[in-house]
Amino acid sequence: MAKEPVRVLVTGAAGQIGYALVPMIARGVMLGADQPVILHMLDIPPAAEALNGVKMELVDAAFPLLKGVVATTDVVEACSGVNVAVMVGGFPRKEGMERKDVMSKNVSIYKAQASALEKHAAPNCKVLVVANPANTNALILKEFAPSIPEKNITCLTRLDHNRALGQISERLNVQVSDIKNAIIWGNHSSTQYPDVNHATVKTPSGEKPVRELVKDDEWLNGGFISTVQQRGAAIIKARKFSSALSAASSACDHIRDWVLGTPEGTWVSMGVYSDGSYNVPAGLIYSFPVTCCGGEWKIVQGLHIDEFSRKKLDLTAAELTEEKALAYSCLS
């Protein structure tokens, strides 16, 4: 029997990430090749004409799984009945702007969208925040949508996770699909900690630790970490625009694994509400290694954290604590 369509909201849908993301959703990359979808696309009034152009292209592409398109500048219409919300829209930092100015703009955006999601989204709606500062935008959304369970509000660090896999793949000249269990800890910012201490590679003679195969701790504790941390800036320098294709693809990966589950023995990185695991302060949206089953994520427990890693985990937690204080000061 055919499945009922799932309603997926994409905010900032006329932007670069949105333009890359909506055809992936319509093609079944996010929710599976047998899952019909209805796309809800939201953008700001100045982008209304461009948004309508995206809708026209979706119609023209004749995606078999796409059962309807809502393209609107009205937040209530956009949020009505949605089962999955991918929050791509936000206020980008512009030259000369202080962090507090950007935070203040995003606090007001996420406050309004949280309220609309809470009142109008489907029960148990899953929310993924992509727009930066992603962790803190997700925290604001959680504050202003108290009836949405905290476990349903996440932010995107899968892009960083995938970047880490990509770097290891290039370094070892192995297939990216043969590498698993890298971790991104903390903030989706340059303080994030890409950790390969528990990562393995599938080889003809079984699974081997990444560290054992790379045989270069100086690179793994230095150049590798900074490359992943600074990859977004490197792409802006090369493309003159921020990551769009890779951000859209990793947003699909994040939702797909959350909804359909992670493979046995494999974890992924998601920005989720901290419960104090690994001595990370509770009440932050922080990236952890998680497994997913039955539409629920669970933080992987019991991993050994060495002294080098502990400092990195604490440093990114300190930045998130500072961002949280800054965001809350914008509310007063």
C-alpha atoms as a PDB file:
ATOM      1  CA  MET A   1       0.000   0.000   0.000  1.00  0.00           C
ATOM      2  CA  ALA A   2       1.277   3.497  -0.869  1.00  0.00           C
ATOM      3  CA  LYS A   3       2.580   5.507   2.070  1.00  0.00           C
ATOM      4  CA  GLU A   4       0.931   8.725   3.190  1.00  0.00           C
ATOM      5  CA  PRO A   5       2.961  11.787   2.124  1.00  0.00           C
ATOM      6  CA  VAL A   6       5.257  13.384   4.702  1.00  0.00           C
ATOM      7  CA  ARG A   7       5.162  17.184   4.850  1.00  0.00           C
ATOM      8  CA  VAL A   8       8.666  18.678   4.866  1.00  0.00           C
ATOM      9  CA  LEU A   9       9.288  22.359   5.578  1.00  0.00           C
ATOM     10  CA  VAL A  10      12.371  24.111   4.194  1.00  0.00           C
ATOM     11  CA  THR A  11      12.850  27.710   5.335  1.00  0.00           C
ATOM     12  CA  GLY A  12      15.060  30.021   3.278  1.00  0.00           C
ATOM     13  CA  ALA A  13      14.034  27.803   0.361  1.00  0.00           C
ATOM     14  CA  ALA A  14      14.919  30.310  -2.384  1.00  0.00           C
ATOM     15  CA  GLY A  15      18.528  30.546  -1.167  1.00  0.00           C
ATOM     16  CA  GLN A  16      21.495  28.502  -2.322  1.00  0.00           C
ATOM     17  CA  ILE A  17      21.157  25.651   0.192  1.00  0.00           C
ATOM     18  CA  GLY A  18      17.378  25.545  -0.287  1.00  0.00           C
ATOM     19  CA  TYR A  19      17.779  25.356  -4.066  1.00  0.00           C
ATOM     20  CA  ALA A  20      20.151  22.376  -3.685  1.00  0.00           C
ATOM     21  CA  LEU A  21      18.045  20.732  -0.955  1.00  0.00           C
ATOM     22  CA  VAL A  22      14.483  20.705  -2.312  1.00  0.00           C
ATOM     23  CA  PRO A  23      15.196  18.478  -5.356  1.00  0.00           C
ATOM     24  CA  MET A  24      17.030  16.009  -3.086  1.00  0.00           C
ATOM     25  CA  ILE A  25      13.961  15.802  -0.830  1.00  0.00           C
ATOM     26  CA  ALA A  26      11.652  15.480  -3.852  1.00  0.00           C
ATOM     27  CA  ARG A  27      13.809  12.658  -5.234  1.00  0.00           C
ATOM     28  CA  GLY A  28      13.637  10.613  -2.014  1.00  0.00           C
ATOM     29  CA  VAL A  29      17.209  11.226  -0.817  1.00  0.00           C
ATOM     30  CA  MET A  30      16.020  12.415   2.606  1.00  0.00           C
ATOM     31  CA  LEU A  31      13.195  10.041   3.502  1.00  0.00           C
ATOM     32  CA  GLY A  32      13.592   7.079   1.170  1.00  0.00           C
ATOM     33  CA  ALA A  33      12.782   6.099  -2.391  1.00  0.00           C
ATOM     34  CA  ASP A  34       9.281   4.890  -1.457  1.00  0.00           C
ATOM     35  CA  GLN A  35       8.219   7.879   0.695  1.00  0.00           C
ATOM     36  CA  PRO A  36       5.977  10.484  -0.982  1.00  0.00           C
ATOM     37  CA  VAL A  37       6.504  14.076   0.187  1.00  0.00           C
ATOM     38  CA  ILE A  38       4.725  17.420   0.161  1.00  0.00           C
ATOM     39  CA  LEU A  39       7.213  20.285   0.219  1.00  0.00           C
ATOM     40  CA  HIS A  40       6.495  23.438   2.224  1.00  0.00           C
ATOM     41  CA  MET A  41       8.870  26.236   1.197  1.00  0.00           C
ATOM     42  CA  LEU A  42       9.164  29.462   3.173  1.00  0.00           C
ATOM     43  CA  ASP A  43      11.145  32.580   2.417  1.00  0.00           C
ATOM     44  CA  ILE A  44      11.017  36.310   3.115  1.00  0.00           C
ATOM     45  CA  PRO A  45       8.801  38.613   0.988  1.00  0.00           C
ATOM     46  CA  PRO A  46      11.717  40.080  -1.058  1.00  0.00           C
ATOM     47  CA  ALA A  47      12.475  36.512  -2.215  1.00  0.00           C
ATOM     48  CA  ALA A  48       8.850  35.671  -3.127  1.00  0.00           C
ATOM     49  CA  GLU A  49       9.415  35.827  -6.899  1.00  0.00           C
ATOM     50  CA  ALA A  50      12.540  33.644  -6.712  1.00  0.00           C
ATOM     51  CA  LEU A  51      10.646  31.205  -4.466  1.00  0.00           C
ATOM     52  CA  ASN A  52       7.894  30.941  -7.057  1.00  0.00           C
ATOM     53  CA  GLY A  53      10.592  30.195  -9.648  1.00  0.00           C
ATOM     54  CA  VAL A  54      11.822  27.283  -7.493  1.00  0.00           C
ATOM     55  CA  LYS A  55       8.235  26.006  -7.296  1.00  0.00           C
ATOM     56  CA  MET A  56       7.942  26.192 -11.095  1.00  0.00           C
ATOM     57  CA  GLU A  57      11.124  24.145 -11.463  1.00  0.00           C
ATOM     58  CA  LEU A  58       9.873  21.520  -9.016  1.00  0.00           C
ATOM     59  CA  VAL A  59       6.697  21.182 -11.110  1.00  0.00           C
ATOM     60  CA  ASP A  60       8.788  21.008 -14.298  1.00  0.00           C
ATOM     61  CA  ALA A  61      11.010  18.238 -12.881  1.00  0.00           C
ATOM     62  CA  ALA A  62       7.944  15.963 -12.496  1.00  0.00           C
ATOM     63  CA  PHE A  63       9.286  14.129  -9.442  1.00  0.00           C
ATOM     64  CA  PRO A  64       7.122  11.014  -8.926  1.00  0.00           C
ATOM     65  CA  LEU A  65       7.385  11.238  -5.111  1.00  0.00           C
ATOM     66  CA  LEU A  66       6.423  14.925  -4.945  1.00  0.00           C
ATOM     67  CA  LYS A  67       2.714  15.092  -4.139  1.00  0.00           C
ATOM     68  CA  GLY A  68       2.400  18.835  -3.585  1.00  0.00           C
ATOM     69  CA  VAL A  69       4.277  22.114  -3.139  1.00  0.00           C
ATOM     70  CA  VAL A  70       3.423  25.001  -0.814  1.00  0.00           C
ATOM     71  CA  ALA A  71       5.521  28.107  -1.580  1.00  0.00           C
ATOM     72  CA  THR A  72       4.788  30.987   0.769  1.00  0.00           C
ATOM     73  CA  THR A  73       6.100  33.977   2.705  1.00  0.00           C
ATOM     74  CA  ASP A  74       3.560  33.320   5.485  1.00  0.00           C
ATOM     75  CA  VAL A  75       5.118  31.462   8.411  1.00  0.00           C
ATOM     76  CA  VAL A  76       1.812  29.989   9.635  1.00  0.00           C
ATOM     77  CA  GLU A  77       0.923  28.555   6.214  1.00  0.00           C
ATOM     78  CA  ALA A  78       4.469  27.198   5.885  1.00  0.00           C
ATOM     79  CA  CYS A  79       4.430  25.437   9.264  1.00  0.00           C
ATOM     80  CA  SER A  80       0.917  23.982   9.076  1.00  0.00           C
ATOM     81  CA  GLY A  81       0.929  20.198   9.471  1.00  0.00           C
ATOM     82  CA  VAL A  82       4.650  19.707   8.800  1.00  0.00           C
ATOM     83  CA  ASN A  83       6.291  16.481  10.023  1.00  0.00           C
ATOM     84  CA  VAL A  84       9.890  17.539   9.358  1.00  0.00           C
ATOM     85  CA  ALA A  85      11.239  21.101   9.483  1.00  0.00           C
ATOM     86  CA  VAL A  86      14.626  22.020   8.024  1.00  0.00           C
ATOM     87  CA  MET A  87      15.466  25.542   9.162  1.00  0.00           C
ATOM     88  CA  VAL A  88      17.868  26.890   6.546  1.00  0.00           C
ATOM     89  CA  GLY A  89      16.736  30.524   6.692  1.00  0.00           C
ATOM     90  CA  GLY A  90      18.590  32.902   8.967  1.00  0.00           C
ATOM     91  CA  PHE A  91      20.311  36.266   9.016  1.00  0.00           C
ATOM     92  CA  PRO A  92      23.855  35.938   7.623  1.00  0.00           C
ATOM     93  CA  ARG A  93      26.719  37.815   9.225  1.00  0.00           C
ATOM     94  CA  LYS A  94      27.749  40.738   7.056  1.00  0.00           C
ATOM     95  CA  GLU A  95      31.010  42.623   6.985  1.00  0.00           C
ATOM     96  CA  GLY A  96      31.427  44.928   9.953  1.00  0.00           C
ATOM     97  CA  MET A  97      28.682  43.256  12.007  1.00  0.00           C
ATOM     98  CA  GLU A  98      29.336  42.292  15.603  1.00  0.00           C
ATOM     99  CA  ARG A  99      28.388  38.772  16.709  1.00  0.00           C
ATOM    100  CA  LYS A 100      25.755  40.227  19.024  1.00  0.00           C
ATOM    101  CA  ASP A 101      24.076  42.025  16.071  1.00  0.00           C
ATOM    102  CA  VAL A 102      23.815  38.753  14.121  1.00  0.00           C
ATOM    103  CA  MET A 103      22.616  36.916  17.220  1.00  0.00           C
ATOM    104  CA  SER A 104      19.956  39.540  17.862  1.00  0.00           C
ATOM    105  CA  LYS A 105      18.591  39.244  14.285  1.00  0.00           C
ATOM    106  CA  ASN A 106      18.500  35.442  14.477  1.00  0.00           C
ATOM    107  CA  VAL A 107      16.913  35.407  17.925  1.00  0.00           C
ATOM    108  CA  SER A 108      13.951  37.367  16.557  1.00  0.00           C
ATOM    109  CA  ILE A 109      13.672  35.095  13.461  1.00  0.00           C
ATOM    110  CA  TYR A 110      13.842  31.860  15.476  1.00  0.00           C
ATOM    111  CA  LYS A 111      11.498  33.158  18.156  1.00  0.00           C
ATOM    112  CA  ALA A 112       8.782  33.789  15.517  1.00  0.00           C
ATOM    113  CA  GLN A 113       9.367  30.492  13.709  1.00  0.00           C
ATOM    114  CA  ALA A 114       9.392  28.524  16.981  1.00  0.00           C
ATOM    115  CA  SER A 115       6.022  29.945  17.893  1.00  0.00           C
ATOM    116  CA  ALA A 116       4.538  29.038  14.460  1.00  0.00           C
ATOM    117  CA  LEU A 117       5.959  25.496  14.583  1.00  0.00           C
ATOM    118  CA  GLU A 118       4.646  24.960  18.086  1.00  0.00           C
ATOM    119  CA  LYS A 119       1.119  26.066  17.165  1.00  0.00           C
ATOM    120  CA  HIS A 120       0.818  24.624  13.649  1.00  0.00           C
ATOM    121  CA  ALA A 121       3.272  21.756  12.981  1.00  0.00           C
ATOM    122  CA  ALA A 122       2.199  18.114  13.226  1.00  0.00           C
ATOM    123  CA  PRO A 123       2.649  16.429  16.610  1.00  0.00           C
ATOM    124  CA  ASN A 124       6.155  14.958  17.009  1.00  0.00           C
ATOM    125  CA  CYS A 125       7.567  17.200  14.239  1.00  0.00           C
ATOM    126  CA  LYS A 126      11.342  16.685  13.864  1.00  0.00           C
ATOM    127  CA  VAL A 127      13.325  19.934  13.577  1.00  0.00           C
ATOM    128  CA  LEU A 128      16.794  20.393  12.071  1.00  0.00           C
ATOM    129  CA  VAL A 129      18.442  23.827  12.314  1.00  0.00           C
ATOM    130  CA  VAL A 130      21.009  24.535   9.594  1.00  0.00           C
ATOM    131  CA  ALA A 131      21.303  28.342   9.701  1.00  0.00           C
ATOM    132  CA  ASN A 132      24.235  29.674  11.710  1.00  0.00           C
ATOM    133  CA  PRO A 133      24.860  29.971  14.569  1.00  0.00           C
ATOM    134  CA  ALA A 134      23.103  26.597  14.249  1.00  0.00           C
ATOM    135  CA  ASN A 135      23.520  25.275  17.805  1.00  0.00           C
ATOM    136  CA  THR A 136      22.320  28.470  19.441  1.00  0.00           C
ATOM    137  CA  ASN A 137      19.527  29.073  16.904  1.00  0.00           C
ATOM    138  CA  ALA A 138      18.283  25.575  17.804  1.00  0.00           C
ATOM    139  CA  LEU A 139      18.460  26.443  21.504  1.00  0.00           C
ATOM    140  CA  ILE A 140      16.385  29.614  20.942  1.00  0.00           C
ATOM    141  CA  LEU A 141      13.848  27.598  18.957  1.00  0.00           C
ATOM    142  CA  LYS A 142      13.626  25.117  21.831  1.00  0.00           C
ATOM    143  CA  GLU A 143      13.066  27.934  24.359  1.00  0.00           C
ATOM    144  CA  PHE A 144      10.161  29.378  22.374  1.00  0.00           C
ATOM    145  CA  ALA A 145       8.537  26.084  21.436  1.00  0.00           C
ATOM    146  CA  PRO A 146       8.286  24.452  24.870  1.00  0.00           C
ATOM    147  CA  SER A 147       5.659  21.929  23.774  1.00  0.00           C
ATOM    148  CA  ILE A 148       7.971  20.463  21.086  1.00  0.00           C
ATOM    149  CA  PRO A 149       9.971  17.734  22.884  1.00  0.00           C
ATOM    150  CA  GLU A 150      13.613  18.770  23.343  1.00  0.00           C
ATOM    151  CA  LYS A 151      14.685  15.488  21.692  1.00  0.00           C
ATOM    152  CA  ASN A 152      12.958  16.688  18.494  1.00  0.00           C
ATOM    153  CA  ILE A 153      15.111  19.815  18.109  1.00  0.00           C
ATOM    154  CA  THR A 154      18.551  19.263  16.593  1.00  0.00           C
ATOM    155  CA  CYS A 155      21.180  21.149  14.628  1.00  0.00           C
ATOM    156  CA  LEU A 156      23.382  20.181  11.713  1.00  0.00           C
ATOM    157  CA  THR A 157      26.912  18.969  12.427  1.00  0.00           C
ATOM    158  CA  ARG A 158      26.648  16.104   9.934  1.00  0.00           C
ATOM    159  CA  LEU A 159      28.298  18.397   7.383  1.00  0.00           C
ATOM    160  CA  ASP A 160      31.394  18.573   9.614  1.00  0.00           C
ATOM    161  CA  HIS A 161      31.167  14.803  10.236  1.00  0.00           C
ATOM    162  CA  ASN A 162      31.085  14.160   6.483  1.00  0.00           C
ATOM    163  CA  ARG A 163      33.973  16.593   5.952  1.00  0.00           C
ATOM    164  CA  ALA A 164      36.015  14.593   8.468  1.00  0.00           C
ATOM    165  CA  LEU A 165      35.217  11.334   6.620  1.00  0.00           C
ATOM    166  CA  GLY A 166      36.178  13.021   3.337  1.00  0.00           C
ATOM    167  CA  GLN A 167      39.590  14.092   4.662  1.00  0.00           C
ATOM    168  CA  ILE A 168      40.373  10.600   5.986  1.00  0.00           C
ATOM    169  CA  SER A 169      39.216   9.072   2.695  1.00  0.00           C
ATOM    170  CA  GLU A 170      41.563  11.321   0.709  1.00  0.00           C
ATOM    171  CA  ARG A 171      44.482  10.805   3.076  1.00  0.00           C
ATOM    172  CA  LEU A 172      44.244   6.990   3.044  1.00  0.00           C
ATOM    173  CA  ASN A 173      42.918   6.687  -0.504  1.00  0.00           C
ATOM    174  CA  VAL A 174      39.995   4.547   0.682  1.00  0.00           C
ATOM    175  CA  GLN A 175      36.278   4.691  -0.050  1.00  0.00           C
ATOM    176  CA  VAL A 176      34.429   7.080   2.252  1.00  0.00           C
ATOM    177  CA  SER A 177      31.783   4.364   2.741  1.00  0.00           C
ATOM    178  CA  ASP A 178      34.459   2.152   4.352  1.00  0.00           C
ATOM    179  CA  ILE A 179      35.134   4.683   7.155  1.00  0.00           C
ATOM    180  CA  LYS A 180      32.890   4.917  10.194  1.00  0.00           C
ATOM    181  CA  ASN A 181      32.574   6.355  13.696  1.00  0.00           C
ATOM    182  CA  ALA A 182      34.350   9.666  13.384  1.00  0.00           C
ATOM    183  CA  ILE A 183      32.865  12.203  15.811  1.00  0.00           C
ATOM    184  CA  ILE A 184      32.228  15.934  15.769  1.00  0.00           C
ATOM    185  CA  TRP A 185      32.010  17.273  19.320  1.00  0.00           C
ATOM    186  CA  GLY A 186      30.500  20.636  20.228  1.00  0.00           C
ATOM    187  CA  ASN A 187      29.699  23.702  18.191  1.00  0.00           C
ATOM    188  CA  HIS A 188      29.261  24.025  14.426  1.00  0.00           C
ATOM    189  CA  SER A 189      32.037  26.615  14.449  1.00  0.00           C
ATOM    190  CA  SER A 190      35.821  26.732  14.307  1.00  0.00           C
ATOM    191  CA  THR A 191      35.990  25.400  17.907  1.00  0.00           C
ATOM    192  CA  GLN A 192      34.341  22.086  16.966  1.00  0.00           C
ATOM    193  CA  TYR A 193      36.449  19.010  17.684  1.00  0.00           C
ATOM    194  CA  PRO A 194      36.703  16.442  14.864  1.00  0.00           C
ATOM    195  CA  ASP A 195      37.747  13.265  16.694  1.00  0.00           C
ATOM    196  CA  VAL A 196      38.976  10.073  14.978  1.00  0.00           C
ATOM    197  CA  ASN A 197      40.123   8.239  18.110  1.00  0.00           C
ATOM    198  CA  HIS A 198      37.264   5.735  17.742  1.00  0.00           C
ATOM    199  CA  ALA A 199      37.022   5.764  13.928  1.00  0.00           C
ATOM    200  CA  THR A 200      37.756   2.660  11.871  1.00  0.00           C
ATOM    201  CA  VAL A 201      38.307   1.717   8.239  1.00  0.00           C
ATOM    202  CA  LYS A 202      37.098  -1.491   6.608  1.00  0.00           C
ATOM    203  CA  THR A 203      40.112  -3.223   5.028  1.00  0.00           C
ATOM    204  CA  PRO A 204      40.534  -6.651   3.369  1.00  0.00           C
ATOM    205  CA  SER A 205      41.899  -7.905   6.713  1.00  0.00           C
ATOM    206  CA  GLY A 206      39.061  -6.479   8.831  1.00  0.00           C
ATOM    207  CA  GLU A 207      38.339  -3.149  10.528  1.00  0.00           C
ATOM    208  CA  LYS A 208      41.412  -1.126  11.488  1.00  0.00           C
ATOM    209  CA  PRO A 209      41.634   2.049  13.606  1.00  0.00           C
ATOM    210  CA  VAL A 210      42.114   5.238  11.574  1.00  0.00           C
ATOM    211  CA  ARG A 211      45.065   6.266  13.777  1.00  0.00           C
ATOM    212  CA  GLU A 212      46.848   2.963  13.106  1.00  0.00           C
ATOM    213  CA  LEU A 213      46.430   3.373   9.327  1.00  0.00           C
ATOM    214  CA  VAL A 214      47.255   7.095   9.077  1.00  0.00           C
ATOM    215  CA  LYS A 215      50.402   6.698  11.258  1.00  0.00           C
ATOM    216  CA  ASP A 216      50.693  10.477  11.672  1.00  0.00           C
ATOM    217  CA  ASP A 217      49.431  11.780  15.006  1.00  0.00           C
ATOM    218  CA  GLU A 218      50.816  15.233  14.279  1.00  0.00           C
ATOM    219  CA  TRP A 219      48.462  15.550  11.285  1.00  0.00           C
ATOM    220  CA  LEU A 220      45.479  13.945  13.059  1.00  0.00           C
ATOM    221  CA  ASN A 221      45.910  16.272  16.078  1.00  0.00           C
ATOM    222  CA  GLY A 222      46.737  19.338  13.973  1.00  0.00           C
ATOM    223  CA  GLY A 223      46.214  19.776  10.227  1.00  0.00           C
ATOM    224  CA  PHE A 224      43.298  17.364  10.002  1.00  0.00           C
ATOM    225  CA  ILE A 225      41.397  19.145  12.799  1.00  0.00           C
ATOM    226  CA  SER A 226      42.028  22.643  11.430  1.00  0.00           C
ATOM    227  CA  THR A 227      41.109  21.603   7.863  1.00  0.00           C
ATOM    228  CA  VAL A 228      37.711  20.309   9.017  1.00  0.00           C
ATOM    229  CA  GLN A 229      37.186  23.322  11.310  1.00  0.00           C
ATOM    230  CA  GLN A 230      38.029  25.813   8.531  1.00  0.00           C
ATOM    231  CA  ARG A 231      36.503  23.957   5.574  1.00  0.00           C
ATOM    232  CA  GLY A 232      33.505  26.291   5.330  1.00  0.00           C
ATOM    233  CA  ALA A 233      35.790  29.323   5.062  1.00  0.00           C
ATOM    234  CA  ALA A 234      37.930  27.543   2.439  1.00  0.00           C
ATOM    235  CA  ILE A 235      34.834  26.886   0.314  1.00  0.00           C
ATOM    236  CA  ILE A 236      33.709  30.524   0.575  1.00  0.00           C
ATOM    237  CA  LYS A 237      37.200  31.572  -0.572  1.00  0.00           C
ATOM    238  CA  ALA A 238      37.080  29.179  -3.554  1.00  0.00           C
ATOM    239  CA  ARG A 239      33.423  29.551  -4.572  1.00  0.00           C
ATOM    240  CA  LYS A 240      32.673  33.080  -3.298  1.00  0.00           C
ATOM    241  CA  PHE A 241      29.565  31.511  -1.733  1.00  0.00           C
ATOM    242  CA  SER A 242      29.128  29.320   1.317  1.00  0.00           C
ATOM    243  CA  SER A 243      28.721  25.523   1.156  1.00  0.00           C
ATOM    244  CA  ALA A 244      25.366  24.703  -0.406  1.00  0.00           C
ATOM    245  CA  LEU A 245      25.480  21.319  -2.155  1.00  0.00           C
ATOM    246  CA  SER A 246      27.359  19.640   0.730  1.00  0.00           C
ATOM    247  CA  ALA A 247      25.164  21.322   3.367  1.00  0.00           C
ATOM    248  CA  ALA A 248      22.003  20.149   1.584  1.00  0.00           C
ATOM    249  CA  SER A 249      23.331  16.609   1.183  1.00  0.00           C
ATOM    250  CA  SER A 250      24.334  16.344   4.844  1.00  0.00           C
ATOM    251  CA  ALA A 251      20.942  17.718   5.961  1.00  0.00           C
ATOM    252  CA  CYS A 252      19.394  14.796   4.046  1.00  0.00           C
ATOM    253  CA  ASP A 253      21.824  12.381   5.718  1.00  0.00           C
ATOM    254  CA  HIS A 254      20.942  13.790   9.178  1.00  0.00           C
ATOM    255  CA  ILE A 255      17.174  13.423   8.728  1.00  0.00           C
ATOM    256  CA  ARG A 256      17.384  10.083   6.900  1.00  0.00           C
ATOM    257  CA  ASP A 257      19.437   8.451   9.664  1.00  0.00           C
ATOM    258  CA  TRP A 258      17.250  10.013  12.375  1.00  0.00           C
ATOM    259  CA  VAL A 259      14.027   8.741  10.756  1.00  0.00           C
ATOM    260  CA  LEU A 260      15.191   5.449   9.229  1.00  0.00           C
ATOM    261  CA  GLY A 261      17.975   4.539  11.697  1.00  0.00           C
ATOM    262  CA  THR A 262      21.768   4.197  11.696  1.00  0.00           C
ATOM    263  CA  PRO A 263      23.406   0.924  10.605  1.00  0.00           C
ATOM    264  CA  GLU A 264      24.278  -1.506  13.399  1.00  0.00           C
ATOM    265  CA  GLY A 265      27.645  -0.609  14.977  1.00  0.00           C
ATOM    266  CA  THR A 266      27.776   2.830  13.353  1.00  0.00           C
ATOM    267  CA  TRP A 267      27.226   6.221  14.872  1.00  0.00           C
ATOM    268  CA  VAL A 268      26.880   9.698  13.378  1.00  0.00           C
ATOM    269  CA  SER A 269      27.226  13.236  14.724  1.00  0.00           C
ATOM    270  CA  MET A 270      24.148  15.332  15.574  1.00  0.00           C
ATOM    271  CA  GLY A 271      23.763  18.566  17.501  1.00  0.00           C
ATOM    272  CA  VAL A 272      21.357  17.563  20.295  1.00  0.00           C
ATOM    273  CA  TYR A 273      20.215  18.804  23.686  1.00  0.00           C
ATOM    274  CA  SER A 274      22.902  17.916  26.232  1.00  0.00           C
ATOM    275  CA  ASP A 275      21.924  15.798  29.230  1.00  0.00           C
ATOM    276  CA  GLY A 276      25.352  16.180  30.855  1.00  0.00           C
ATOM    277  CA  SER A 277      26.931  13.200  29.033  1.00  0.00           C
ATOM    278  CA  TYR A 278      30.749  13.368  28.827  1.00  0.00           C
ATOM    279  CA  ASN A 279      30.664  16.211  31.405  1.00  0.00           C
ATOM    280  CA  VAL A 280      29.264  18.593  28.795  1.00  0.00           C
ATOM    281  CA  PRO A 281      27.080  21.189  30.559  1.00  0.00           C
ATOM    282  CA  ALA A 282      23.396  20.228  30.360  1.00  0.00           C
ATOM    283  CA  GLY A 283      21.151  22.700  28.551  1.00  0.00           C
ATOM    284  CA  LEU A 284      23.363  23.315  25.508  1.00  0.00           C
ATOM    285  CA  ILE A 285      22.724  22.071  21.973  1.00  0.00           C
ATOM    286  CA  TYR A 286      26.022  20.247  21.491  1.00  0.00           C
ATOM    287  CA  SER A 287      27.247  17.790  18.869  1.00  0.00           C
ATOM    288  CA  PHE A 288      27.623  14.236  20.167  1.00  0.00           C
ATOM    289  CA  PRO A 289      28.062  10.790  18.612  1.00  0.00           C
ATOM    290  CA  VAL A 290      24.575   9.269  18.369  1.00  0.00           C
ATOM    291  CA  THR A 291      22.846   6.153  17.134  1.00  0.00           C
ATOM    292  CA  CYS A 292      19.274   6.316  15.817  1.00  0.00           C
ATOM    293  CA  CYS A 293      16.533   3.699  15.946  1.00  0.00           C
ATOM    294  CA  GLY A 294      12.751   3.960  15.559  1.00  0.00           C
ATOM    295  CA  GLY A 295      12.928   7.720  14.928  1.00  0.00           C
ATOM    296  CA  GLU A 296      14.824   8.404  18.187  1.00  0.00           C
ATOM    297  CA  TRP A 297      18.472   9.353  18.702  1.00  0.00           C
ATOM    298  CA  LYS A 298      20.594   8.195  21.624  1.00  0.00           C
ATOM    299  CA  ILE A 299      24.007   9.519  22.696  1.00  0.00           C
ATOM    300  CA  VAL A 300      26.716   6.834  22.460  1.00  0.00           C
ATOM    301  CA  GLN A 301      28.003   6.291  26.000  1.00  0.00           C
ATOM    302  CA  GLY A 302      31.232   5.011  27.505  1.00  0.00           C
ATOM    303  CA  LEU A 303      33.779   6.233  24.948  1.00  0.00           C
ATOM    304  CA  HIS A 304      37.236   6.915  26.372  1.00  0.00           C
ATOM    305  CA  ILE A 305      38.120  10.622  26.302  1.00  0.00           C
ATOM    306  CA  ASP A 306      41.866  11.304  26.555  1.00  0.00           C
ATOM    307  CA  GLU A 307      43.371  14.485  27.984  1.00  0.00           C
ATOM    308  CA  PHE A 308      43.863  16.120  24.561  1.00  0.00           C
ATOM    309  CA  SER A 309      40.209  15.444  23.677  1.00  0.00           C
ATOM    310  CA  ARG A 310      38.934  16.615  27.082  1.00  0.00           C
ATOM    311  CA  LYS A 311      40.456  20.067  26.526  1.00  0.00           C
ATOM    312  CA  LYS A 312      38.864  20.269  23.061  1.00  0.00           C
ATOM    313  CA  LEU A 313      35.421  19.207  24.378  1.00  0.00           C
ATOM    314  CA  ASP A 314      35.623  21.823  27.141  1.00  0.00           C
ATOM    315  CA  LEU A 315      36.795  24.594  24.809  1.00  0.00           C
ATOM    316  CA  THR A 316      33.847  24.213  22.408  1.00  0.00           C
ATOM    317  CA  ALA A 317      31.426  23.881  25.378  1.00  0.00           C
ATOM    318  CA  ALA A 318      32.767  27.177  26.757  1.00  0.00           C
ATOM    319  CA  GLU A 319      32.070  28.896  23.414  1.00  0.00           C
ATOM    320  CA  LEU A 320      28.513  27.511  23.365  1.00  0.00           C
ATOM    321  CA  THR A 321      27.933  28.667  26.951  1.00  0.00           C
ATOM    322  CA  GLU A 322      29.084  32.149  25.929  1.00  0.00           C
ATOM    323  CA  GLU A 323      26.819  32.109  22.824  1.00  0.00           C
ATOM    324  CA  LYS A 324      23.884  31.026  24.975  1.00  0.00           C
ATOM    325  CA  ALA A 325      24.453  33.956  27.349  1.00  0.00           C
ATOM    326  CA  LEU A 326      24.726  36.330  24.366  1.00  0.00           C
ATOM    327  CA  ALA A 327      21.477  34.991  22.859  1.00  0.00           C
ATOM    328  CA  TYR A 328      19.630  35.318  26.157  1.00  0.00           C
ATOM    329  CA  SER A 329      20.899  38.896  26.551  1.00  0.00           C
ATOM    330  CA  CYS A 330      19.261  39.656  23.173  1.00  0.00           C
ATOM    331  CA  LEU A 331      15.933  38.555  24.636  1.00  0.00           C
ATOM    332  CA  SER A 332      15.974  41.059  27.462  1.00  0.00           C
END
